[in-house]
Amino acid sequence: MRVAALFLCHVVAVAVLIAPTAVAQRPDNLKPSESVWKPAAAPPGGISWTVLESTKEIQRRQTGTIYSKPAFSQKVKALNGKRIKVSGYVMPLQNSPKQTHFVLLAYPPDCPFHLNPAPNQFIEIRTNSPIAVRSGVQSFEGQLILSGEDESGIFYQMQESREI
């Protein structure tokens, strides 16, 4: 127990010494409201996450549960049922190195302090053949389906998808 307490004190001391350096390295041109996180860039001929993020989230609370549904922009409504290309970060939903059902995230999922993605920042994807999950950005093409009217919090789905 005493060793654990000493170790914790050491970790805190190192963090206190490093913190001023980390703050000093922050770019001066960033405003407090700007994020250093950037969404994955659109593939050639693809859809930007900026377009998908233009969908507004309408929340309703009932007995401690938050329900959310979309208010799609006209630009997003025009994509419904069309084949689109989009890039992002794969978050597996199956216990396998290859996936046919997964979530594509706009932002990197590697920071434990980053907030959960909003419903307009991910797409539920189903592919016809399994894809290998890699770290970094992956690109996909498929039929975009607008959903979420059931207040499930899933605004975007892609069917008949393939990696490009």
C-alpha atoms as a PDB file:
ATOM      1  CA  MET A   1       0.000   0.000   0.000  1.00  0.00           C
ATOM      2  CA  ARG A   2       2.826   2.369   0.926  1.00  0.00           C
ATOM      3  CA  VAL A   3       4.621   1.614  -2.356  1.00  0.00           C
ATOM      4  CA  ALA A   4       1.459   2.438  -4.285  1.00  0.00           C
ATOM      5  CA  ALA A   5       1.131   5.762  -2.451  1.00  0.00           C
ATOM      6  CA  LEU A   6       4.763   6.640  -3.206  1.00  0.00           C
ATOM      7  CA  PHE A   7       4.277   5.705  -6.847  1.00  0.00           C
ATOM      8  CA  LEU A   8       1.161   7.893  -7.056  1.00  0.00           C
ATOM      9  CA  CYS A   9       3.054  10.829  -5.519  1.00  0.00           C
ATOM     10  CA  HIS A  10       5.816  10.348  -8.086  1.00  0.00           C
ATOM     11  CA  VAL A  11       3.306  10.330 -10.960  1.00  0.00           C
ATOM     12  CA  VAL A  12       1.660  13.520  -9.684  1.00  0.00           C
ATOM     13  CA  ALA A  13       5.036  15.226  -9.284  1.00  0.00           C
ATOM     14  CA  VAL A  14       6.044  14.350 -12.838  1.00  0.00           C
ATOM     15  CA  ALA A  15       2.677  15.584 -14.132  1.00  0.00           C
ATOM     16  CA  VAL A  16       3.109  18.901 -12.309  1.00  0.00           C
ATOM     17  CA  LEU A  17       6.552  19.326 -13.852  1.00  0.00           C
ATOM     18  CA  ILE A  18       5.390  18.446 -17.369  1.00  0.00           C
ATOM     19  CA  ALA A  19       2.105  20.421 -17.358  1.00  0.00           C
ATOM     20  CA  PRO A  20       3.688  23.897 -17.774  1.00  0.00           C
ATOM     21  CA  THR A  21       5.662  22.597 -20.766  1.00  0.00           C
ATOM     22  CA  ALA A  22       2.516  21.177 -22.388  1.00  0.00           C
ATOM     23  CA  VAL A  23       0.676  24.463 -21.882  1.00  0.00           C
ATOM     24  CA  ALA A  24       3.629  26.416 -23.239  1.00  0.00           C
ATOM     25  CA  GLN A  25       3.582  24.301 -26.431  1.00  0.00           C
ATOM     26  CA  ARG A  26      -0.066  25.109 -27.192  1.00  0.00           C
ATOM     27  CA  PRO A  27      -0.330  27.182 -30.372  1.00  0.00           C
ATOM     28  CA  ASP A  28      -0.906  30.850 -29.502  1.00  0.00           C
ATOM     29  CA  ASN A  29      -3.270  31.386 -32.413  1.00  0.00           C
ATOM     30  CA  LEU A  30      -5.957  29.030 -31.038  1.00  0.00           C
ATOM     31  CA  LYS A  31      -8.959  30.645 -29.410  1.00  0.00           C
ATOM     32  CA  PRO A  32     -10.278  28.878 -26.284  1.00  0.00           C
ATOM     33  CA  SER A  33     -13.361  27.741 -28.202  1.00  0.00           C
ATOM     34  CA  GLU A  34     -11.351  26.137 -31.029  1.00  0.00           C
ATOM     35  CA  SER A  35     -10.499  22.471 -30.888  1.00  0.00           C
ATOM     36  CA  VAL A  36      -7.211  20.952 -31.948  1.00  0.00           C
ATOM     37  CA  TRP A  37      -9.218  17.902 -33.029  1.00  0.00           C
ATOM     38  CA  LYS A  38      -9.992  17.829 -36.719  1.00  0.00           C
ATOM     39  CA  PRO A  39     -12.373  15.427 -38.479  1.00  0.00           C
ATOM     40  CA  ALA A  40     -11.031  12.990 -41.057  1.00  0.00           C
ATOM     41  CA  ALA A  41     -10.596  14.613 -44.456  1.00  0.00           C
ATOM     42  CA  ALA A  42     -13.061  13.675 -47.184  1.00  0.00           C
ATOM     43  CA  PRO A  43     -11.819  11.168 -49.765  1.00  0.00           C
ATOM     44  CA  PRO A  44     -11.620  12.355 -53.400  1.00  0.00           C
ATOM     45  CA  GLY A  45     -15.205  12.974 -54.538  1.00  0.00           C
ATOM     46  CA  GLY A  46     -16.445  12.288 -51.016  1.00  0.00           C
ATOM     47  CA  ILE A  47     -18.584  13.965 -48.392  1.00  0.00           C
ATOM     48  CA  SER A  48     -17.026  16.178 -45.748  1.00  0.00           C
ATOM     49  CA  TRP A  49     -17.872  15.670 -42.072  1.00  0.00           C
ATOM     50  CA  THR A  50     -18.739  19.382 -42.043  1.00  0.00           C
ATOM     51  CA  VAL A  51     -21.760  18.564 -44.207  1.00  0.00           C
ATOM     52  CA  LEU A  52     -22.840  15.692 -41.940  1.00  0.00           C
ATOM     53  CA  GLU A  53     -22.275  17.802 -38.823  1.00  0.00           C
ATOM     54  CA  SER A  54     -24.715  20.405 -40.174  1.00  0.00           C
ATOM     55  CA  THR A  55     -27.525  18.167 -38.883  1.00  0.00           C
ATOM     56  CA  LYS A  56     -28.884  19.578 -35.633  1.00  0.00           C
ATOM     57  CA  GLU A  57     -29.690  17.344 -32.679  1.00  0.00           C
ATOM     58  CA  ILE A  58     -33.098  17.745 -31.004  1.00  0.00           C
ATOM     59  CA  GLN A  59     -33.038  16.353 -27.472  1.00  0.00           C
ATOM     60  CA  ARG A  60     -35.901  15.343 -25.235  1.00  0.00           C
ATOM     61  CA  ARG A  61     -35.510  14.230 -21.618  1.00  0.00           C
ATOM     62  CA  GLN A  62     -37.861  11.819 -19.944  1.00  0.00           C
ATOM     63  CA  THR A  63     -37.301  10.263 -16.507  1.00  0.00           C
ATOM     64  CA  GLY A  64     -33.534  10.728 -16.654  1.00  0.00           C
ATOM     65  CA  THR A  65     -33.130   9.418 -20.199  1.00  0.00           C
ATOM     66  CA  ILE A  66     -32.060  11.625 -23.104  1.00  0.00           C
ATOM     67  CA  TYR A  67     -33.741  10.900 -26.433  1.00  0.00           C
ATOM     68  CA  SER A  68     -32.414  12.549 -29.545  1.00  0.00           C
ATOM     69  CA  LYS A  69     -33.562  12.896 -33.112  1.00  0.00           C
ATOM     70  CA  PRO A  70     -32.188  14.774 -36.130  1.00  0.00           C
ATOM     71  CA  ALA A  71     -33.108  17.992 -37.889  1.00  0.00           C
ATOM     72  CA  PHE A  72     -31.361  17.329 -41.207  1.00  0.00           C
ATOM     73  CA  SER A  73     -30.095  20.230 -43.297  1.00  0.00           C
ATOM     74  CA  GLN A  74     -31.266  20.461 -46.917  1.00  0.00           C
ATOM     75  CA  LYS A  75     -27.772  19.461 -48.087  1.00  0.00           C
ATOM     76  CA  VAL A  76     -27.912  16.283 -45.979  1.00  0.00           C
ATOM     77  CA  LYS A  77     -31.504  15.478 -47.014  1.00  0.00           C
ATOM     78  CA  ALA A  78     -30.343  15.534 -50.649  1.00  0.00           C
ATOM     79  CA  LEU A  79     -27.895  12.688 -49.865  1.00  0.00           C
ATOM     80  CA  ASN A  80     -30.538  10.279 -48.536  1.00  0.00           C
ATOM     81  CA  GLY A  81     -30.468   7.003 -50.481  1.00  0.00           C
ATOM     82  CA  LYS A  82     -27.451   8.052 -52.570  1.00  0.00           C
ATOM     83  CA  ARG A  83     -24.071   6.345 -52.718  1.00  0.00           C
ATOM     84  CA  ILE A  84     -21.508   8.471 -50.953  1.00  0.00           C
ATOM     85  CA  LYS A  85     -17.827   8.255 -50.054  1.00  0.00           C
ATOM     86  CA  VAL A  86     -16.638   9.166 -46.574  1.00  0.00           C
ATOM     87  CA  SER A  87     -13.498   8.729 -44.464  1.00  0.00           C
ATOM     88  CA  GLY A  88     -13.143   8.260 -40.734  1.00  0.00           C
ATOM     89  CA  TYR A  89     -11.925   6.086 -37.887  1.00  0.00           C
ATOM     90  CA  VAL A  90     -13.322   2.559 -37.535  1.00  0.00           C
ATOM     91  CA  MET A  91     -14.710   1.523 -34.151  1.00  0.00           C
ATOM     92  CA  PRO A  92     -15.399  -2.253 -34.218  1.00  0.00           C
ATOM     93  CA  LEU A  93     -18.718  -3.647 -33.019  1.00  0.00           C
ATOM     94  CA  GLN A  94     -17.815  -7.310 -33.515  1.00  0.00           C
ATOM     95  CA  ASN A  95     -15.272  -9.456 -31.680  1.00  0.00           C
ATOM     96  CA  SER A  96     -13.136 -10.129 -34.738  1.00  0.00           C
ATOM     97  CA  PRO A  97     -10.125  -8.627 -36.553  1.00  0.00           C
ATOM     98  CA  LYS A  98     -12.360  -8.252 -39.621  1.00  0.00           C
ATOM     99  CA  GLN A  99     -15.678  -6.412 -39.454  1.00  0.00           C
ATOM    100  CA  THR A 100     -18.919  -6.269 -41.455  1.00  0.00           C
ATOM    101  CA  HIS A 101     -20.758  -4.060 -38.917  1.00  0.00           C
ATOM    102  CA  PHE A 102     -18.977  -1.125 -37.297  1.00  0.00           C
ATOM    103  CA  VAL A 103     -19.151   2.578 -36.541  1.00  0.00           C
ATOM    104  CA  LEU A 104     -17.170   5.123 -38.551  1.00  0.00           C
ATOM    105  CA  LEU A 105     -16.159   8.109 -36.412  1.00  0.00           C
ATOM    106  CA  ALA A 106     -15.374  11.601 -37.665  1.00  0.00           C
ATOM    107  CA  TYR A 107     -12.697  12.152 -35.002  1.00  0.00           C
ATOM    108  CA  PRO A 108      -9.907   9.911 -33.671  1.00  0.00           C
ATOM    109  CA  PRO A 109     -11.136   7.662 -30.849  1.00  0.00           C
ATOM    110  CA  ASP A 110      -7.787   7.470 -29.072  1.00  0.00           C
ATOM    111  CA  CYS A 111      -8.167  10.128 -26.374  1.00  0.00           C
ATOM    112  CA  PRO A 112      -9.755   8.896 -23.110  1.00  0.00           C
ATOM    113  CA  PHE A 113     -10.708  12.476 -22.209  1.00  0.00           C
ATOM    114  CA  HIS A 114     -12.404  13.309 -25.515  1.00  0.00           C
ATOM    115  CA  LEU A 115     -16.171  13.533 -25.284  1.00  0.00           C
ATOM    116  CA  ASN A 116     -18.357  10.860 -26.856  1.00  0.00           C
ATOM    117  CA  PRO A 117     -19.240  11.621 -30.459  1.00  0.00           C
ATOM    118  CA  ALA A 118     -22.481  13.435 -31.164  1.00  0.00           C
ATOM    119  CA  PRO A 119     -24.993  11.604 -33.390  1.00  0.00           C
ATOM    120  CA  ASN A 120     -23.927  13.747 -36.364  1.00  0.00           C
ATOM    121  CA  GLN A 121     -20.293  12.644 -35.943  1.00  0.00           C
ATOM    122  CA  PHE A 122     -20.583   8.935 -36.716  1.00  0.00           C
ATOM    123  CA  ILE A 123     -22.103   6.532 -39.225  1.00  0.00           C
ATOM    124  CA  GLU A 124     -23.244   2.972 -38.551  1.00  0.00           C
ATOM    125  CA  ILE A 125     -21.834   0.937 -41.451  1.00  0.00           C
ATOM    126  CA  ARG A 126     -22.583  -2.525 -42.826  1.00  0.00           C
ATOM    127  CA  THR A 127     -20.318  -3.989 -45.500  1.00  0.00           C
ATOM    128  CA  ASN A 128     -20.952  -6.885 -47.868  1.00  0.00           C
ATOM    129  CA  SER A 129     -17.535  -8.393 -47.161  1.00  0.00           C
ATOM    130  CA  PRO A 130     -15.376  -8.125 -44.035  1.00  0.00           C
ATOM    131  CA  ILE A 131     -12.846  -5.301 -43.786  1.00  0.00           C
ATOM    132  CA  ALA A 132      -9.648  -5.308 -41.740  1.00  0.00           C
ATOM    133  CA  VAL A 133      -9.613  -2.777 -38.920  1.00  0.00           C
ATOM    134  CA  ARG A 134      -6.537  -0.553 -38.977  1.00  0.00           C
ATOM    135  CA  SER A 135      -5.496   2.419 -36.923  1.00  0.00           C
ATOM    136  CA  GLY A 136      -5.849   5.715 -38.728  1.00  0.00           C
ATOM    137  CA  VAL A 137      -8.278   6.891 -41.364  1.00  0.00           C
ATOM    138  CA  GLN A 138     -10.167   4.437 -43.586  1.00  0.00           C
ATOM    139  CA  SER A 139     -12.490   5.339 -46.481  1.00  0.00           C
ATOM    140  CA  PHE A 140     -15.790   3.756 -47.490  1.00  0.00           C
ATOM    141  CA  GLU A 141     -18.424   4.010 -50.169  1.00  0.00           C
ATOM    142  CA  GLY A 142     -22.042   2.978 -49.636  1.00  0.00           C
ATOM    143  CA  GLN A 143     -25.685   3.961 -49.671  1.00  0.00           C
ATOM    144  CA  LEU A 144     -26.443   6.619 -47.055  1.00  0.00           C
ATOM    145  CA  ILE A 145     -29.661   6.125 -45.123  1.00  0.00           C
ATOM    146  CA  LEU A 146     -30.926   8.961 -42.925  1.00  0.00           C
ATOM    147  CA  SER A 147     -32.462   7.640 -39.718  1.00  0.00           C
ATOM    148  CA  GLY A 148     -33.087   8.700 -36.136  1.00  0.00           C
ATOM    149  CA  GLU A 149     -36.757   9.651 -36.240  1.00  0.00           C
ATOM    150  CA  ASP A 150     -37.264   6.871 -33.659  1.00  0.00           C
ATOM    151  CA  GLU A 151     -35.084   8.949 -31.252  1.00  0.00           C
ATOM    152  CA  SER A 152     -32.444   6.193 -31.186  1.00  0.00           C
ATOM    153  CA  GLY A 153     -29.597   8.691 -31.543  1.00  0.00           C
ATOM    154  CA  ILE A 154     -28.331   7.058 -34.755  1.00  0.00           C
ATOM    155  CA  PHE A 155     -28.699   9.624 -37.525  1.00  0.00           C
ATOM    156  CA  TYR A 156     -26.639   8.002 -40.298  1.00  0.00           C
ATOM    157  CA  GLN A 157     -26.347   4.472 -41.625  1.00  0.00           C
ATOM    158  CA  MET A 158     -24.529   3.178 -44.699  1.00  0.00           C
ATOM    159  CA  GLN A 159     -25.575  -0.055 -46.383  1.00  0.00           C
ATOM    160  CA  GLU A 160     -24.004  -2.129 -49.132  1.00  0.00           C
ATOM    161  CA  SER A 161     -20.710  -0.491 -48.232  1.00  0.00           C
ATOM    162  CA  ARG A 162     -17.193  -1.287 -49.313  1.00  0.00           C
ATOM    163  CA  GLU A 163     -13.771   0.004 -48.399  1.00  0.00           C
ATOM    164  CA  ILE A 164     -12.201   2.256 -51.026  1.00  0.00           C
END
